[in-house]
């Protein structure tokens, strides 16, 4: 397994050190934290399949109303 040296700000190093368990390496901590993150919304785009033009217009209308302070039913 290879190694890399990275530079961290002191405050970030302290935060990682607090997250680190007794039996964990810093690599383990970083991996655990990265894997526990919620997936981004973009990764979920299209997960529910295509929508109809009618449904798209309905969603778009609701979003526009929210953005412009209109009432949403």
C-alpha atoms as a PDB file:
ATOM      1  CA  UNK A   1       0.000   0.000   0.000  1.00  0.00           C
ATOM      2  CA  UNK A   2       1.363   3.420  -0.956  1.00  0.00           C
ATOM      3  CA  UNK A   3       1.557   6.489   1.195  1.00  0.00           C
ATOM      4  CA  UNK A   4       0.950  10.163   0.505  1.00  0.00           C
ATOM      5  CA  UNK A   5       1.752  13.162   2.614  1.00  0.00           C
ATOM      6  CA  UNK A   6      -0.903  15.860   2.798  1.00  0.00           C
ATOM      7  CA  UNK A   7      -0.907  19.225   4.507  1.00  0.00           C
ATOM      8  CA  UNK A   8      -3.768  20.098   6.858  1.00  0.00           C
ATOM      9  CA  UNK A   9      -4.591  23.256   8.726  1.00  0.00           C
ATOM     10  CA  UNK A  10      -4.035  22.872  12.449  1.00  0.00           C
ATOM     11  CA  UNK A  11      -7.760  23.234  13.246  1.00  0.00           C
ATOM     12  CA  UNK A  12      -8.665  20.497  10.772  1.00  0.00           C
ATOM     13  CA  UNK A  13      -5.977  18.206  12.163  1.00  0.00           C
ATOM     14  CA  UNK A  14      -7.397  18.660  15.676  1.00  0.00           C
ATOM     15  CA  UNK A  15     -10.897  17.828  14.430  1.00  0.00           C
ATOM     16  CA  UNK A  16      -9.657  14.661  12.707  1.00  0.00           C
ATOM     17  CA  UNK A  17      -7.711  13.664  15.800  1.00  0.00           C
ATOM     18  CA  UNK A  18     -10.908  13.982  17.891  1.00  0.00           C
ATOM     19  CA  UNK A  19     -12.777  11.777  15.394  1.00  0.00           C
ATOM     20  CA  UNK A  20     -10.062   9.130  15.430  1.00  0.00           C
ATOM     21  CA  UNK A  21     -10.768   6.022  17.468  1.00  0.00           C
ATOM     22  CA  UNK A  22      -8.041   4.257  19.445  1.00  0.00           C
ATOM     23  CA  UNK A  23      -7.735   1.497  16.842  1.00  0.00           C
ATOM     24  CA  UNK A  24      -8.059   3.750  13.780  1.00  0.00           C
ATOM     25  CA  UNK A  25      -5.485   5.315  11.523  1.00  0.00           C
ATOM     26  CA  UNK A  26      -6.089   8.741  10.025  1.00  0.00           C
ATOM     27  CA  UNK A  27      -6.766   6.965   6.712  1.00  0.00           C
ATOM     28  CA  UNK A  28      -9.474   4.907   8.461  1.00  0.00           C
ATOM     29  CA  UNK A  29     -11.047   8.068   9.887  1.00  0.00           C
ATOM     30  CA  UNK A  30     -11.089   9.857   6.533  1.00  0.00           C
ATOM     31  CA  UNK A  31     -12.520   6.803   4.778  1.00  0.00           C
ATOM     32  CA  UNK A  32     -15.235   6.382   7.434  1.00  0.00           C
ATOM     33  CA  UNK A  33     -16.201  10.048   7.244  1.00  0.00           C
ATOM     34  CA  UNK A  34     -16.301  10.068   3.451  1.00  0.00           C
ATOM     35  CA  UNK A  35     -18.390   6.902   3.297  1.00  0.00           C
ATOM     36  CA  UNK A  36     -20.872   8.191   5.873  1.00  0.00           C
ATOM     37  CA  UNK A  37     -21.667  11.349   3.897  1.00  0.00           C
ATOM     38  CA  UNK A  38     -25.088  11.608   2.332  1.00  0.00           C
ATOM     39  CA  UNK A  39     -25.024  11.171  -1.427  1.00  0.00           C
ATOM     40  CA  UNK A  40     -25.321  14.368  -3.405  1.00  0.00           C
ATOM     41  CA  UNK A  41     -28.636  15.229  -4.997  1.00  0.00           C
ATOM     42  CA  UNK A  42     -26.974  15.130  -8.415  1.00  0.00           C
ATOM     43  CA  UNK A  43     -26.069  11.472  -7.923  1.00  0.00           C
ATOM     44  CA  UNK A  44     -29.784  10.760  -7.453  1.00  0.00           C
ATOM     45  CA  UNK A  45     -30.914  12.690 -10.532  1.00  0.00           C
ATOM     46  CA  UNK A  46     -33.077  10.508 -12.720  1.00  0.00           C
ATOM     47  CA  UNK A  47     -33.366   7.744 -10.133  1.00  0.00           C
ATOM     48  CA  UNK A  48     -37.155   7.798 -10.331  1.00  0.00           C
ATOM     49  CA  UNK A  49     -37.263   7.514 -14.100  1.00  0.00           C
ATOM     50  CA  UNK A  50     -38.701   9.846 -16.696  1.00  0.00           C
ATOM     51  CA  UNK A  51     -41.687  12.070 -15.950  1.00  0.00           C
ATOM     52  CA  UNK A  52     -44.402  13.236 -18.269  1.00  0.00           C
ATOM     53  CA  UNK A  53     -44.471  16.726 -19.744  1.00  0.00           C
ATOM     54  CA  UNK A  54     -47.588  17.420 -17.662  1.00  0.00           C
ATOM     55  CA  UNK A  55     -45.850  16.383 -14.433  1.00  0.00           C
ATOM     56  CA  UNK A  56     -42.793  18.449 -15.367  1.00  0.00           C
ATOM     57  CA  UNK A  57     -44.970  21.559 -15.867  1.00  0.00           C
ATOM     58  CA  UNK A  58     -46.698  20.954 -12.524  1.00  0.00           C
ATOM     59  CA  UNK A  59     -43.388  20.649 -10.682  1.00  0.00           C
ATOM     60  CA  UNK A  60     -41.954  23.659 -12.511  1.00  0.00           C
ATOM     61  CA  UNK A  61     -45.011  25.742 -11.634  1.00  0.00           C
ATOM     62  CA  UNK A  62     -44.699  24.841  -7.951  1.00  0.00           C
ATOM     63  CA  UNK A  63     -40.978  25.672  -7.904  1.00  0.00           C
ATOM     64  CA  UNK A  64     -41.612  29.022  -9.583  1.00  0.00           C
ATOM     65  CA  UNK A  65     -44.322  29.821  -7.035  1.00  0.00           C
ATOM     66  CA  UNK A  66     -41.970  28.982  -4.165  1.00  0.00           C
ATOM     67  CA  UNK A  67     -39.158  31.073  -5.635  1.00  0.00           C
ATOM     68  CA  UNK A  68     -41.401  34.064  -6.191  1.00  0.00           C
ATOM     69  CA  UNK A  69     -43.254  33.839  -2.892  1.00  0.00           C
ATOM     70  CA  UNK A  70     -46.558  32.655  -4.333  1.00  0.00           C
ATOM     71  CA  UNK A  71     -48.916  30.286  -2.609  1.00  0.00           C
ATOM     72  CA  UNK A  72     -48.397  26.573  -3.193  1.00  0.00           C
ATOM     73  CA  UNK A  73     -51.348  24.214  -3.115  1.00  0.00           C
END
